[in-house]
Protein backbone atom coordinates (compact mmCIF):
# COMPACT_ATOMS: atom_id res chain seq x y z
CA MET A 1 -37.19 -129.87 187.09
CA THR A 2 -39.07 -133.16 187.38
CA ASP A 3 -42.49 -132.33 188.77
CA ARG A 4 -45.26 -131.45 186.35
CA ALA A 5 -48.21 -130.36 188.43
CA VAL A 6 -51.72 -129.31 187.49
CA GLY A 7 -53.47 -126.74 189.62
CA VAL A 8 -56.68 -124.74 189.54
CA LEU A 9 -57.43 -121.14 190.40
CA LEU A 10 -60.05 -120.25 192.99
CA PRO A 11 -62.13 -117.57 191.25
CA ARG A 12 -61.85 -114.25 193.04
CA ASP A 13 -65.60 -113.65 192.79
CA LEU A 14 -66.81 -117.13 193.74
CA PRO A 15 -69.67 -116.73 196.26
CA VAL A 16 -68.17 -117.20 199.69
CA GLU A 17 -70.61 -119.98 200.59
CA ARG A 18 -69.15 -122.09 197.75
CA VAL A 19 -65.44 -121.68 198.52
CA ARG A 20 -65.24 -124.77 200.74
CA GLU A 21 -67.14 -126.81 198.14
CA PHE A 22 -64.74 -125.66 195.41
CA ALA A 23 -61.62 -126.49 197.45
CA ARG A 24 -62.80 -129.92 198.48
CA ARG A 25 -63.97 -130.79 194.98
CA ALA A 26 -60.60 -129.76 193.52
CA GLU A 27 -58.89 -132.10 195.96
CA GLU A 28 -61.35 -134.95 195.33
CA LEU A 29 -60.77 -134.70 191.58
CA GLY A 30 -57.00 -135.05 192.03
CA PHE A 31 -55.63 -131.60 191.23
CA ASP A 32 -52.17 -131.10 192.69
CA GLU A 33 -52.49 -127.46 193.67
CA LEU A 34 -55.05 -124.74 194.30
CA TRP A 35 -54.14 -121.08 193.95
CA VAL A 36 -55.98 -118.16 195.53
CA VAL A 37 -55.75 -114.56 194.37
CA GLU A 38 -55.57 -111.27 196.21
CA ASP A 39 -57.15 -108.78 193.83
CA CYS A 40 -58.43 -105.41 194.99
CA PHE A 41 -60.97 -105.35 196.44
CA PHE A 42 -62.19 -108.92 196.68
CA ARG A 43 -60.70 -111.16 199.41
CA GLY A 44 -57.40 -111.38 201.24
CA GLY A 45 -54.94 -113.99 200.04
CA ILE A 46 -53.64 -115.17 203.40
CA ALA A 47 -57.12 -115.60 204.89
CA GLN A 48 -58.30 -117.56 201.85
CA ALA A 49 -55.24 -119.79 201.90
CA ALA A 50 -55.65 -120.58 205.59
CA ALA A 51 -59.28 -121.55 205.13
CA VAL A 52 -58.61 -123.73 202.08
CA LEU A 53 -55.70 -125.48 203.80
CA ALA A 54 -57.90 -126.22 206.83
CA TRP A 55 -60.75 -127.57 204.68
CA THR A 56 -58.51 -129.94 202.70
CA GLU A 57 -55.95 -132.62 203.53
CA ARG A 58 -53.53 -132.98 200.64
CA ILE A 59 -53.72 -130.29 198.02
CA ARG A 60 -50.93 -127.71 197.93
CA VAL A 61 -52.14 -124.11 198.21
CA GLY A 62 -50.50 -121.12 196.57
CA ILE A 63 -51.15 -117.43 197.12
CA GLY A 64 -50.81 -115.39 193.98
CA ILE A 65 -50.05 -112.68 194.62
CA LEU A 66 -49.43 -110.51 197.69
CA PRO A 67 -48.40 -106.94 196.77
CA ALA A 68 -45.09 -106.17 198.46
CA ALA A 69 -45.85 -102.46 198.66
CA VAL A 70 -48.61 -102.87 201.23
CA ARG A 71 -46.86 -105.33 203.57
CA ASP A 72 -43.94 -105.28 205.95
CA ALA A 73 -41.44 -108.01 205.06
CA ALA A 74 -41.14 -109.35 208.62
CA PHE A 75 -44.89 -109.72 209.01
CA THR A 76 -45.26 -111.24 205.54
CA ALA A 77 -42.68 -113.83 206.60
CA MET A 78 -44.42 -114.45 209.91
CA GLU A 79 -47.76 -115.09 208.21
CA ALA A 80 -46.19 -117.36 205.58
CA ALA A 81 -44.21 -119.28 208.19
CA THR A 82 -47.33 -119.78 210.33
CA LEU A 83 -49.16 -121.35 207.40
CA ALA A 84 -46.15 -123.59 206.78
CA GLU A 85 -46.00 -124.62 210.45
CA LEU A 86 -49.69 -125.49 210.53
CA PHE A 87 -49.77 -127.17 207.11
CA PRO A 88 -46.23 -128.43 206.44
CA GLY A 89 -45.21 -128.97 202.84
CA ARG A 90 -48.39 -127.46 201.41
CA VAL A 91 -47.71 -123.74 201.05
CA ASP A 92 -46.41 -121.49 198.27
CA VAL A 93 -46.50 -117.70 198.61
CA GLY A 94 -46.35 -115.41 195.59
CA ILE A 95 -45.29 -111.81 196.08
CA GLY A 96 -45.33 -109.13 193.41
CA HIS A 97 -45.51 -105.44 192.62
CA GLY A 98 -49.29 -105.35 192.65
CA MET A 99 -51.28 -103.66 189.91
CA PRO A 100 -50.03 -100.06 189.68
CA ALA A 101 -53.53 -98.56 189.54
CA TRP A 102 -54.61 -100.42 192.67
CA MET A 103 -51.42 -99.57 194.54
CA ARG A 104 -51.84 -95.89 193.65
CA GLN A 105 -55.46 -96.11 194.75
CA VAL A 106 -54.33 -97.03 198.26
CA GLY A 107 -51.36 -94.66 198.26
CA ALA A 108 -48.75 -97.43 198.19
CA TRP A 109 -47.03 -97.28 194.77
CA PRO A 110 -43.29 -96.81 195.46
CA SER A 111 -40.88 -94.67 193.50
CA SER A 112 -38.80 -97.79 192.77
CA PRO A 113 -41.06 -100.86 192.61
CA LEU A 114 -38.20 -103.11 191.51
CA THR A 115 -35.98 -102.22 194.46
CA LEU A 116 -38.83 -102.68 196.92
CA LEU A 117 -39.79 -106.07 195.51
CA GLU A 118 -36.29 -107.52 195.53
CA GLU A 119 -35.58 -106.28 199.06
CA HIS A 120 -38.91 -107.74 200.21
CA LEU A 121 -38.38 -111.12 198.52
CA ARG A 122 -34.86 -111.55 199.89
CA ALA A 123 -35.91 -110.66 203.42
CA VAL A 124 -39.02 -112.83 203.49
CA ARG A 125 -37.22 -115.84 202.05
CA ALA A 126 -34.37 -115.55 204.56
CA ILE A 127 -36.71 -115.18 207.53
CA VAL A 128 -38.91 -118.18 206.68
CA HIS A 129 -35.74 -120.26 206.42
CA GLY A 130 -34.91 -119.42 210.01
CA GLU A 131 -32.14 -116.90 209.40
CA ARG A 132 -31.47 -113.90 211.62
CA VAL A 133 -31.94 -110.99 209.27
CA ASP A 134 -30.45 -107.52 209.33
CA VAL A 135 -31.34 -105.23 206.44
CA ASP A 136 -30.78 -101.54 205.94
CA GLY A 137 -32.35 -101.11 202.53
CA ARG A 138 -34.17 -98.39 200.74
CA TYR A 139 -37.54 -99.89 201.69
CA VAL A 140 -36.84 -102.78 204.06
CA GLN A 141 -35.20 -102.13 207.42
CA LEU A 142 -34.83 -105.06 209.78
CA ASP A 143 -32.76 -105.31 212.95
CA GLY A 144 -32.05 -108.87 214.03
CA VAL A 145 -35.40 -110.30 212.91
CA GLN A 146 -35.64 -114.05 213.46
CA LEU A 147 -38.60 -116.37 213.90
CA GLU A 148 -39.02 -118.01 217.29
CA TYR A 149 -40.33 -121.16 215.58
CA PRO A 150 -39.12 -121.38 211.99
CA PRO A 151 -41.08 -123.99 210.02
CA ALA A 152 -39.48 -127.36 209.37
CA HIS A 153 -40.74 -127.09 205.80
CA PRO A 154 -40.36 -123.43 204.78
CA PRO A 155 -42.91 -122.13 202.30
CA ARG A 156 -41.65 -121.49 198.81
CA ILE A 157 -41.47 -117.78 198.07
CA LEU A 158 -42.26 -116.91 194.45
CA ALA A 159 -42.37 -113.64 192.56
CA GLY A 160 -45.44 -112.79 190.51
CA VAL A 161 -43.96 -110.51 187.86
CA ARG A 162 -43.66 -109.63 184.19
CA GLY A 163 -41.05 -107.55 182.41
CA PRO A 164 -37.31 -108.28 181.97
CA LYS A 165 -35.96 -106.52 185.07
CA SER A 166 -38.60 -107.92 187.38
CA LEU A 167 -38.09 -111.43 186.00
CA ALA A 168 -34.36 -111.11 186.59
CA ALA A 169 -35.06 -110.05 190.19
CA SER A 170 -37.20 -113.15 190.61
CA GLY A 171 -34.32 -115.31 189.44
CA ARG A 172 -32.00 -113.70 191.98
CA ALA A 173 -34.29 -113.56 195.00
CA ALA A 174 -37.16 -116.06 194.74
CA ASP A 175 -37.81 -119.79 194.66
CA GLY A 176 -39.97 -119.45 191.56
CA THR A 177 -41.99 -117.17 189.32
CA VAL A 178 -45.73 -116.86 188.81
CA LEU A 179 -46.49 -115.96 185.19
CA ALA A 180 -49.88 -114.35 184.62
CA GLU A 181 -52.05 -115.40 181.73
CA PRO A 182 -51.71 -115.85 178.83
CA VAL A 183 -48.70 -118.18 178.97
CA THR A 184 -47.34 -119.69 175.77
CA PRO A 185 -44.19 -121.79 175.30
CA GLU A 186 -42.60 -118.76 173.58
CA TYR A 187 -43.36 -116.53 176.56
CA VAL A 188 -41.99 -119.14 178.99
CA ALA A 189 -38.74 -119.33 177.03
CA GLU A 190 -38.42 -115.54 177.01
CA ALA A 191 -39.22 -115.31 180.72
CA LEU A 192 -36.65 -117.98 181.62
CA ARG A 193 -34.04 -116.15 179.57
CA HIS A 194 -34.49 -113.14 181.85
CA ILE A 195 -34.94 -115.15 185.06
CA ALA A 196 -31.69 -117.00 184.33
CA PRO A 197 -32.13 -119.35 187.30
CA THR A 198 -28.98 -120.72 188.91
CA ARG A 199 -30.85 -123.03 191.32
CA GLU A 200 -34.16 -124.91 191.30
CA HIS A 201 -36.79 -122.43 190.21
CA ARG A 202 -40.49 -123.24 189.89
CA VAL A 203 -42.47 -121.66 187.06
CA VAL A 204 -46.19 -121.35 187.76
CA ALA A 205 -48.27 -120.61 184.66
CA TYR A 206 -51.76 -119.17 184.98
CA CYS A 207 -53.85 -120.37 182.03
CA VAL A 208 -57.34 -119.62 180.80
CA ALA A 209 -58.81 -123.11 180.37
CA ALA A 210 -61.86 -124.75 178.84
CA VAL A 211 -62.21 -128.45 178.05
CA ASP A 212 -65.03 -129.92 175.97
CA ASP A 213 -65.42 -132.75 173.48
CA ASP A 214 -66.46 -130.04 171.03
CA ALA A 215 -63.41 -127.80 170.52
CA ASP A 216 -65.52 -124.90 169.22
CA SER A 217 -67.62 -124.94 172.39
CA ALA A 218 -64.45 -124.81 174.48
CA ARG A 219 -63.13 -121.87 172.47
CA ARG A 220 -66.41 -119.98 172.86
CA LEU A 221 -66.14 -120.41 176.62
CA ALA A 222 -62.51 -119.24 176.66
CA ARG A 223 -62.84 -116.15 174.44
CA PRO A 224 -64.31 -113.72 177.01
CA ALA A 225 -61.44 -114.49 179.40
CA LEU A 226 -58.97 -113.42 176.68
CA ALA A 227 -60.66 -110.10 176.00
CA TRP A 228 -58.01 -107.97 177.73
CA VAL A 229 -54.96 -109.70 176.28
CA GLY A 230 -54.60 -107.01 173.62
CA GLU A 231 -54.15 -104.20 176.15
CA PRO A 232 -50.69 -102.64 176.74
CA ASP A 233 -49.99 -104.40 180.05
CA TRP A 234 -49.99 -107.73 178.23
CA ALA A 235 -47.43 -106.73 175.60
CA PRO A 236 -44.61 -108.86 177.11
CA HIS A 237 -46.79 -111.95 176.72
CA ILE A 238 -47.45 -111.32 173.04
CA ALA A 239 -44.09 -109.98 171.87
CA PRO A 240 -42.39 -113.42 171.56
CA LEU A 241 -45.17 -114.85 169.37
CA PRO A 242 -44.60 -115.21 165.61
CA TYR A 243 -47.84 -113.34 164.91
CA ALA A 244 -47.23 -110.48 167.38
CA GLN A 245 -47.48 -107.79 164.69
CA GLU A 246 -50.69 -109.25 163.26
CA PHE A 247 -52.04 -109.47 166.79
CA ALA A 248 -51.37 -105.77 167.42
CA GLU A 249 -52.92 -104.78 164.11
CA LEU A 250 -56.04 -106.81 164.83
CA ARG A 251 -56.45 -105.21 168.26
CA ALA A 252 -55.97 -101.73 166.80
CA GLY A 253 -58.60 -102.39 164.17
CA VAL A 254 -61.47 -103.26 166.52
CA GLY A 255 -63.29 -101.30 169.18
CA SER A 256 -63.88 -103.00 172.51
CA PRO A 257 -61.96 -105.82 174.20
CA ASP A 258 -65.07 -107.98 173.88
CA GLU A 259 -65.12 -107.46 170.11
CA PHE A 260 -61.42 -108.29 169.96
CA ALA A 261 -62.00 -111.57 171.81
CA GLN A 262 -64.68 -112.58 169.34
CA VAL A 263 -62.52 -112.01 166.25
CA LEU A 264 -59.41 -113.78 167.56
CA PRO A 265 -58.55 -116.59 165.12
CA ASP A 266 -59.17 -120.04 166.50
CA ALA A 267 -55.47 -120.89 166.22
CA TRP A 268 -54.58 -117.93 168.44
CA VAL A 269 -57.15 -118.93 171.04
CA ASP A 270 -55.58 -122.38 171.05
CA ASP A 271 -52.16 -120.78 171.62
CA LEU A 272 -53.29 -118.42 174.38
CA ALA A 273 -55.30 -120.89 176.45
CA VAL A 274 -55.44 -124.53 177.48
CA VAL A 275 -58.50 -125.21 175.39
CA GLY A 276 -60.28 -127.81 173.32
CA THR A 277 -60.78 -131.53 173.67
CA PRO A 278 -59.09 -133.33 176.57
CA ASP A 279 -56.36 -134.57 174.22
CA ALA A 280 -55.76 -131.07 172.82
CA ALA A 281 -55.66 -129.54 176.29
CA ARG A 282 -53.19 -132.19 177.49
CA ALA A 283 -51.00 -131.55 174.46
CA ARG A 284 -50.95 -127.84 175.26
CA MET A 285 -49.94 -128.53 178.86
CA GLU A 286 -47.20 -130.86 177.62
CA ALA A 287 -45.87 -128.03 175.46
CA LEU A 288 -45.83 -125.70 178.45
CA TRP A 289 -44.11 -128.25 180.67
CA SER A 290 -41.53 -128.93 177.96
CA ALA A 291 -40.84 -125.20 177.76
CA GLY A 292 -40.05 -125.08 181.49
CA VAL A 293 -43.35 -124.71 183.32
CA THR A 294 -43.60 -126.59 186.62
CA VAL A 295 -47.24 -125.97 187.52
CA THR A 296 -50.04 -125.27 185.04
CA VAL A 297 -52.82 -123.47 186.92
CA LEU A 298 -56.15 -123.70 185.08
CA PHE A 299 -58.87 -121.05 185.31
CA PRO A 300 -62.35 -122.60 185.57
CA LEU A 301 -64.77 -120.76 183.31
CA GLY A 302 -68.52 -120.58 182.86
CA PRO A 303 -71.49 -119.85 185.10
CA ASP A 304 -70.64 -122.58 187.64
CA PRO A 305 -66.91 -122.76 188.47
CA VAL A 306 -67.38 -125.79 190.73
CA ARG A 307 -69.01 -127.74 187.90
CA ALA A 308 -66.26 -126.53 185.57
CA LEU A 309 -63.72 -128.37 187.73
CA ASP A 310 -65.14 -131.68 186.53
CA ALA A 311 -64.54 -130.72 182.92
CA LEU A 312 -61.00 -129.53 183.63
CA ALA A 313 -60.23 -132.73 185.56
CA ARG A 314 -60.52 -134.65 182.30
CA VAL A 315 -56.94 -133.57 181.53
CA LEU A 316 -55.55 -135.29 184.66
């Protein structure tokens, strides 16, 4: 893997009238990629990606992530391929299980999420590459599905997953994996062990990020975004760390997530985020790239995410 890209995340709650400004500023500052999210119930990922691609000229746009359980594989492929036709070489599409609570809320959580995801990933990837696809799976049934105009530059299809079995499925069926925050070099190594890629495989790392000449100011900005890291869903991220037991004990000994974020040792904040002075933040990204990350996607923090882009751009 030779490319080491830096991306930014479009905040899910950014006022809609500022989305174009954010996208264009990210491109002006020189970020390689911009990732949009599809969280319930904010904004749709495909619609956001199309708008951002149209408003910009160069920046690559990723969607992270589309829940497989609420989409038909053929139509997912058709949407992804259309973006790739219109904006060749600029599209990545992440597909995942979706958050279980949200999927149950809309009546879409399957009895076998792993089977559904792998069937979906395989079918979508084959279709966007122009193949004629027949599938008689547990969840995906396709009879001779083939695009009339397959894109010359097919979009990369990535899996947004955590957990050993899901990571292994990503290695088998996807072009890459989107790792949710927090991402540490130890977590990357553990994830790649399960992914076990046998071909080129991009690793996209979502990272809480704050850059300031005063490292303490940067940490203060990052702490609230780390508040939920101690909850059970994030256990796979913490387990590979040398202080995992201390981490669990600290979380058990405090009340709210906000209190937990405030008592995190500075050294742990530095591990769990791209944070600190520009030099410190660059060093952290270098560690992630050396561990196998392809794209480091930075979360802009603070009251003005557009202004935060300028601070984050100091690492470029």
